[in-house]
Amino acid sequence: MIDTGDLKKGLAIELDGALYTIVEWTHIKMGRGSAQVRLRLRHLTDGHTIERVFQAGSKFVRARLENRDAQYLYREGDLFYFMDSESFEQTSLDAGQLGDAVQYLKEGLVVTVLLHEGAPISAELPNTVDLRITDTAPGFRGDTAAGSSKPATLETGLVVNVPYFLNPGDLVKVDTRSGDYVERVSSG
């Protein structure tokens, strides 16, 4: 059991029979009455978020999760297959368990698969991934105006805004937390 004073971002807890990670927490102290803690929680198996308010001093059951590095192999329908980096066992997660992560998955990407009581429940991506641009308007010499951008479709189908000088075939780094373009990695 953990107390509201021990809560932090990223911590996994059990609440109402379900597993959640803490996305954001705020301590609220009103003029009268006791302090409260407002939590924004993300459901670990289906990815939806909820907001709940608890009295300061409330107790929570800490979820025991195991993290395993795994390499993304392939997709078959709504199932995504991963291979454990140590035991070479294959596990699958469905699109609902992965949420927005499916937009960043490309063959060979190493992710952290979260296991609860031996069963895979979710996957965490690295902070950035390198993806190739498959379609965008052509760039021209001199298109380097600061702050200007154009939409580009990446190899996974994700659409991000990139600077004008980038072309199809260029490899770009994308932030998986925000979905934003970070930098150009190389040309095709």
C-alpha atoms as a PDB file:
ATOM      1  CA  MET A   1       0.000   0.000   0.000  1.00  0.00           C
ATOM      2  CA  ILE A   2       1.191   3.478  -0.807  1.00  0.00           C
ATOM      3  CA  ASP A   3       0.026   6.803   0.536  1.00  0.00           C
ATOM      4  CA  THR A   4      -0.970   9.917  -1.456  1.00  0.00           C
ATOM      5  CA  GLY A   5       2.344  11.466  -0.394  1.00  0.00           C
ATOM      6  CA  ASP A   6       4.234   8.724  -2.260  1.00  0.00           C
ATOM      7  CA  LEU A   7       2.432   9.180  -5.583  1.00  0.00           C
ATOM      8  CA  LYS A   8       4.459  10.225  -8.612  1.00  0.00           C
ATOM      9  CA  LYS A   9       4.089  10.399 -12.376  1.00  0.00           C
ATOM     10  CA  GLY A  10       4.441   7.013 -14.090  1.00  0.00           C
ATOM     11  CA  LEU A  11       3.603   4.940 -10.993  1.00  0.00           C
ATOM     12  CA  ALA A  12       1.244   1.996 -11.630  1.00  0.00           C
ATOM     13  CA  ILE A  13      -1.638   1.461  -9.184  1.00  0.00           C
ATOM     14  CA  GLU A  14      -4.651  -0.829  -8.899  1.00  0.00           C
ATOM     15  CA  LEU A  15      -7.944   1.020  -8.612  1.00  0.00           C
ATOM     16  CA  ASP A  16     -11.440  -0.494  -8.735  1.00  0.00           C
ATOM     17  CA  GLY A  17      -9.985  -3.784  -9.968  1.00  0.00           C
ATOM     18  CA  ALA A  18      -8.146  -2.210 -12.927  1.00  0.00           C
ATOM     19  CA  LEU A  19      -4.538  -1.171 -13.555  1.00  0.00           C
ATOM     20  CA  TYR A  20      -3.696   2.505 -14.118  1.00  0.00           C
ATOM     21  CA  THR A  21      -0.555   4.591 -14.464  1.00  0.00           C
ATOM     22  CA  ILE A  22      -0.426   8.103 -13.071  1.00  0.00           C
ATOM     23  CA  VAL A  23      -0.173  10.603 -15.920  1.00  0.00           C
ATOM     24  CA  GLU A  24      -0.459  13.717 -13.772  1.00  0.00           C
ATOM     25  CA  TRP A  25      -1.148  14.518 -10.138  1.00  0.00           C
ATOM     26  CA  THR A  26      -1.946  17.736  -8.310  1.00  0.00           C
ATOM     27  CA  HIS A  27      -2.102  18.440  -4.588  1.00  0.00           C
ATOM     28  CA  ILE A  28      -5.056  20.719  -3.764  1.00  0.00           C
ATOM     29  CA  LYS A  29      -5.381  22.550  -0.445  1.00  0.00           C
ATOM     30  CA  MET A  30      -8.606  24.470   0.012  1.00  0.00           C
ATOM     31  CA  GLY A  31      -9.055  27.242   2.575  1.00  0.00           C
ATOM     32  CA  ARG A  32     -11.311  24.987   4.603  1.00  0.00           C
ATOM     33  CA  GLY A  33     -11.387  21.252   4.870  1.00  0.00           C
ATOM     34  CA  SER A  34      -8.726  18.667   4.223  1.00  0.00           C
ATOM     35  CA  ALA A  35      -6.272  18.550   1.354  1.00  0.00           C
ATOM     36  CA  GLN A  36      -7.086  16.564  -1.759  1.00  0.00           C
ATOM     37  CA  VAL A  37      -5.119  14.936  -4.544  1.00  0.00           C
ATOM     38  CA  ARG A  38      -6.378  15.104  -8.133  1.00  0.00           C
ATOM     39  CA  LEU A  39      -5.074  12.281 -10.322  1.00  0.00           C
ATOM     40  CA  ARG A  40      -5.201  11.872 -14.083  1.00  0.00           C
ATOM     41  CA  LEU A  41      -4.878   8.139 -14.698  1.00  0.00           C
ATOM     42  CA  ARG A  42      -4.334   6.116 -17.888  1.00  0.00           C
ATOM     43  CA  HIS A  43      -5.876   2.637 -18.026  1.00  0.00           C
ATOM     44  CA  LEU A  44      -3.056   0.216 -18.839  1.00  0.00           C
ATOM     45  CA  THR A  45      -5.006  -2.217 -20.985  1.00  0.00           C
ATOM     46  CA  ASP A  46      -7.187   0.029 -23.148  1.00  0.00           C
ATOM     47  CA  GLY A  47      -5.427   3.407 -22.870  1.00  0.00           C
ATOM     48  CA  HIS A  48      -8.366   5.636 -21.864  1.00  0.00           C
ATOM     49  CA  THR A  49      -7.749   8.340 -19.254  1.00  0.00           C
ATOM     50  CA  ILE A  50      -9.825   9.323 -16.249  1.00  0.00           C
ATOM     51  CA  GLU A  51      -9.590  12.008 -13.582  1.00  0.00           C
ATOM     52  CA  ARG A  52     -10.302  11.227  -9.949  1.00  0.00           C
ATOM     53  CA  VAL A  53     -10.022  13.212  -6.720  1.00  0.00           C
ATOM     54  CA  PHE A  54      -8.983  11.558  -3.432  1.00  0.00           C
ATOM     55  CA  GLN A  55      -8.613  12.830   0.113  1.00  0.00           C
ATOM     56  CA  ALA A  56      -5.029  13.326   1.270  1.00  0.00           C
ATOM     57  CA  GLY A  57      -3.937  10.234   3.187  1.00  0.00           C
ATOM     58  CA  SER A  58      -5.842   7.785   0.966  1.00  0.00           C
ATOM     59  CA  LYS A  59      -4.113   4.455   0.407  1.00  0.00           C
ATOM     60  CA  PHE A  60      -3.545   2.777  -2.969  1.00  0.00           C
ATOM     61  CA  VAL A  61      -2.448  -0.707  -3.978  1.00  0.00           C
ATOM     62  CA  ARG A  62       0.766  -0.518  -5.966  1.00  0.00           C
ATOM     63  CA  ALA A  63       0.613  -2.656  -9.115  1.00  0.00           C
ATOM     64  CA  ARG A  64       3.546  -5.012  -9.550  1.00  0.00           C
ATOM     65  CA  LEU A  65       4.588  -4.796 -13.176  1.00  0.00           C
ATOM     66  CA  GLU A  66       7.484  -6.497 -14.906  1.00  0.00           C
ATOM     67  CA  ASN A  67       9.275  -4.665 -17.707  1.00  0.00           C
ATOM     68  CA  ARG A  68      10.757  -6.720 -20.548  1.00  0.00           C
ATOM     69  CA  ASP A  69      12.593  -5.438 -23.598  1.00  0.00           C
ATOM     70  CA  ALA A  70      11.071  -6.825 -26.770  1.00  0.00           C
ATOM     71  CA  GLN A  71      11.559  -6.294 -30.484  1.00  0.00           C
ATOM     72  CA  TYR A  72       8.558  -5.545 -32.682  1.00  0.00           C
ATOM     73  CA  LEU A  73       8.256  -8.242 -35.360  1.00  0.00           C
ATOM     74  CA  TYR A  74       5.074  -7.864 -37.412  1.00  0.00           C
ATOM     75  CA  ARG A  75       1.360  -7.095 -37.485  1.00  0.00           C
ATOM     76  CA  GLU A  76      -1.387  -9.557 -38.291  1.00  0.00           C
ATOM     77  CA  GLY A  77      -4.799  -7.893 -38.378  1.00  0.00           C
ATOM     78  CA  ASP A  78      -5.292  -6.181 -35.007  1.00  0.00           C
ATOM     79  CA  LEU A  79      -2.507  -8.178 -33.318  1.00  0.00           C
ATOM     80  CA  PHE A  80       1.061  -6.916 -33.013  1.00  0.00           C
ATOM     81  CA  TYR A  81       3.790  -9.496 -32.333  1.00  0.00           C
ATOM     82  CA  PHE A  82       6.898  -8.890 -30.225  1.00  0.00           C
ATOM     83  CA  MET A  83       9.905 -11.075 -29.400  1.00  0.00           C
ATOM     84  CA  ASP A  84      11.407 -10.990 -25.904  1.00  0.00           C
ATOM     85  CA  SER A  85      15.054  -9.871 -26.189  1.00  0.00           C
ATOM     86  CA  GLU A  86      16.270 -12.392 -23.584  1.00  0.00           C
ATOM     87  CA  SER A  87      14.103 -15.518 -23.892  1.00  0.00           C
ATOM     88  CA  PHE A  88      13.185 -15.056 -27.604  1.00  0.00           C
ATOM     89  CA  GLU A  89       9.554 -15.912 -26.749  1.00  0.00           C
ATOM     90  CA  GLN A  90       6.905 -14.225 -28.875  1.00  0.00           C
ATOM     91  CA  THR A  91       3.986 -12.352 -27.340  1.00  0.00           C
ATOM     92  CA  SER A  92       1.188 -10.382 -28.926  1.00  0.00           C
ATOM     93  CA  LEU A  93      -0.698  -7.245 -27.994  1.00  0.00           C
ATOM     94  CA  ASP A  94      -3.806  -5.953 -29.710  1.00  0.00           C
ATOM     95  CA  ALA A  95      -4.306  -2.437 -31.037  1.00  0.00           C
ATOM     96  CA  GLY A  96      -6.435  -1.484 -28.017  1.00  0.00           C
ATOM     97  CA  GLN A  97      -3.640  -2.393 -25.600  1.00  0.00           C
ATOM     98  CA  LEU A  98      -1.089  -0.392 -27.598  1.00  0.00           C
ATOM     99  CA  GLY A  99      -3.220   2.705 -28.171  1.00  0.00           C
ATOM    100  CA  ASP A 100      -1.410   5.459 -30.092  1.00  0.00           C
ATOM    101  CA  ALA A 101       1.839   3.462 -30.032  1.00  0.00           C
ATOM    102  CA  VAL A 102       0.740   1.631 -33.198  1.00  0.00           C
ATOM    103  CA  GLN A 103       1.504   4.808 -35.183  1.00  0.00           C
ATOM    104  CA  TYR A 104       5.205   4.525 -34.321  1.00  0.00           C
ATOM    105  CA  LEU A 105       5.803   0.772 -34.624  1.00  0.00           C
ATOM    106  CA  LYS A 106       8.142  -0.353 -37.364  1.00  0.00           C
ATOM    107  CA  GLU A 107       9.831  -3.695 -37.789  1.00  0.00           C
ATOM    108  CA  GLY A 108      12.861  -4.116 -35.499  1.00  0.00           C
ATOM    109  CA  LEU A 109      11.913  -1.361 -33.011  1.00  0.00           C
ATOM    110  CA  VAL A 110      12.781  -2.296 -29.417  1.00  0.00           C
ATOM    111  CA  VAL A 111      10.033  -1.426 -26.914  1.00  0.00           C
ATOM    112  CA  THR A 112       9.395  -2.190 -23.232  1.00  0.00           C
ATOM    113  CA  VAL A 113       6.528  -4.655 -22.805  1.00  0.00           C
ATOM    114  CA  LEU A 114       4.720  -4.371 -19.454  1.00  0.00           C
ATOM    115  CA  LEU A 115       3.650  -7.656 -17.875  1.00  0.00           C
ATOM    116  CA  HIS A 116       1.208  -8.079 -14.998  1.00  0.00           C
ATOM    117  CA  GLU A 117       1.162 -11.539 -13.422  1.00  0.00           C
ATOM    118  CA  GLY A 118       2.991 -12.886 -16.487  1.00  0.00           C
ATOM    119  CA  ALA A 119       0.511 -11.563 -19.061  1.00  0.00           C
ATOM    120  CA  PRO A 120       1.447  -8.719 -21.442  1.00  0.00           C
ATOM    121  CA  ILE A 121      -0.806  -5.681 -20.924  1.00  0.00           C
ATOM    122  CA  SER A 122       0.887  -2.783 -22.702  1.00  0.00           C
ATOM    123  CA  ALA A 123       4.063  -1.514 -24.346  1.00  0.00           C
ATOM    124  CA  GLU A 124       6.113   1.621 -23.788  1.00  0.00           C
ATOM    125  CA  LEU A 125       7.941   3.207 -26.703  1.00  0.00           C
ATOM    126  CA  PRO A 126      11.332   4.886 -26.619  1.00  0.00           C
ATOM    127  CA  ASN A 127      11.060   8.694 -26.397  1.00  0.00           C
ATOM    128  CA  THR A 128      11.987   9.077 -30.073  1.00  0.00           C
ATOM    129  CA  VAL A 129      11.852   6.863 -33.161  1.00  0.00           C
ATOM    130  CA  ASP A 130      13.392   7.247 -36.613  1.00  0.00           C
ATOM    131  CA  LEU A 131      10.858   6.992 -39.444  1.00  0.00           C
ATOM    132  CA  ARG A 132      11.180   7.477 -43.205  1.00  0.00           C
ATOM    133  CA  ILE A 133       9.064  10.034 -45.073  1.00  0.00           C
ATOM    134  CA  THR A 134       6.980   8.282 -47.755  1.00  0.00           C
ATOM    135  CA  ASP A 135       4.952  11.209 -49.052  1.00  0.00           C
ATOM    136  CA  THR A 136       5.206  14.988 -48.848  1.00  0.00           C
ATOM    137  CA  ALA A 137       5.237  17.976 -51.163  1.00  0.00           C
ATOM    138  CA  PRO A 138       8.653  18.425 -52.806  1.00  0.00           C
ATOM    139  CA  GLY A 139      11.168  20.664 -51.085  1.00  0.00           C
ATOM    140  CA  PHE A 140      13.108  23.324 -52.964  1.00  0.00           C
ATOM    141  CA  ARG A 141      16.500  24.924 -52.426  1.00  0.00           C
ATOM    142  CA  GLY A 142      16.001  27.966 -50.245  1.00  0.00           C
ATOM    143  CA  ASP A 143      12.921  26.632 -48.415  1.00  0.00           C
ATOM    144  CA  THR A 144      14.426  27.182 -44.978  1.00  0.00           C
ATOM    145  CA  ALA A 145      12.155  29.838 -43.488  1.00  0.00           C
ATOM    146  CA  ALA A 146      12.137  29.472 -39.723  1.00  0.00           C
ATOM    147  CA  GLY A 147       8.919  28.144 -38.258  1.00  0.00           C
ATOM    148  CA  SER A 148       7.335  27.073 -41.544  1.00  0.00           C
ATOM    149  CA  SER A 149       6.336  23.472 -42.132  1.00  0.00           C
ATOM    150  CA  LYS A 150       4.374  21.087 -44.350  1.00  0.00           C
ATOM    151  CA  PRO A 151       2.581  17.799 -43.612  1.00  0.00           C
ATOM    152  CA  ALA A 152       4.491  14.579 -44.322  1.00  0.00           C
ATOM    153  CA  THR A 153       3.262  10.979 -44.257  1.00  0.00           C
ATOM    154  CA  LEU A 154       5.738   8.597 -42.620  1.00  0.00           C
ATOM    155  CA  GLU A 155       6.295   4.884 -43.283  1.00  0.00           C
ATOM    156  CA  THR A 156       3.873   3.870 -40.513  1.00  0.00           C
ATOM    157  CA  GLY A 157       1.071   6.110 -41.833  1.00  0.00           C
ATOM    158  CA  LEU A 158       1.623   8.794 -39.182  1.00  0.00           C
ATOM    159  CA  VAL A 159       1.345  12.376 -40.488  1.00  0.00           C
ATOM    160  CA  VAL A 160       3.618  15.013 -38.911  1.00  0.00           C
ATOM    161  CA  ASN A 161       4.593  18.553 -39.835  1.00  0.00           C
ATOM    162  CA  VAL A 162       8.176  18.799 -41.106  1.00  0.00           C
ATOM    163  CA  PRO A 163      10.314  21.664 -42.455  1.00  0.00           C
ATOM    164  CA  TYR A 164       9.928  22.522 -46.160  1.00  0.00           C
ATOM    165  CA  PHE A 165      13.401  21.288 -47.147  1.00  0.00           C
ATOM    166  CA  LEU A 166      12.602  17.619 -46.373  1.00  0.00           C
ATOM    167  CA  ASN A 167      11.682  15.218 -49.182  1.00  0.00           C
ATOM    168  CA  PRO A 168      10.263  11.697 -49.557  1.00  0.00           C
ATOM    169  CA  GLY A 169      12.935   9.171 -48.548  1.00  0.00           C
ATOM    170  CA  ASP A 170      14.412  11.355 -45.791  1.00  0.00           C
ATOM    171  CA  LEU A 171      14.737   9.766 -42.357  1.00  0.00           C
ATOM    172  CA  VAL A 172      13.402  11.903 -39.494  1.00  0.00           C
ATOM    173  CA  LYS A 173      13.336  11.598 -35.708  1.00  0.00           C
ATOM    174  CA  VAL A 174       9.845  11.875 -34.171  1.00  0.00           C
ATOM    175  CA  ASP A 175       9.001  12.380 -30.483  1.00  0.00           C
ATOM    176  CA  THR A 176       6.614   9.546 -29.475  1.00  0.00           C
ATOM    177  CA  ARG A 177       5.240  11.507 -26.488  1.00  0.00           C
ATOM    178  CA  SER A 178       4.029  14.496 -28.518  1.00  0.00           C
ATOM    179  CA  GLY A 179       4.035  13.209 -32.109  1.00  0.00           C
ATOM    180  CA  ASP A 180       6.223  16.123 -33.213  1.00  0.00           C
ATOM    181  CA  TYR A 181       9.130  16.229 -35.673  1.00  0.00           C
ATOM    182  CA  VAL A 182      12.467  16.541 -33.817  1.00  0.00           C
ATOM    183  CA  GLU A 183      15.217  16.529 -36.441  1.00  0.00           C
ATOM    184  CA  ARG A 184      16.395  15.115 -39.742  1.00  0.00           C
ATOM    185  CA  VAL A 185      18.505  11.984 -39.349  1.00  0.00           C
ATOM    186  CA  SER A 186      19.665  11.442 -42.949  1.00  0.00           C
ATOM    187  CA  SER A 187      18.649  11.612 -46.579  1.00  0.00           C
ATOM    188  CA  GLY A 188      17.366   8.656 -48.581  1.00  0.00           C
END
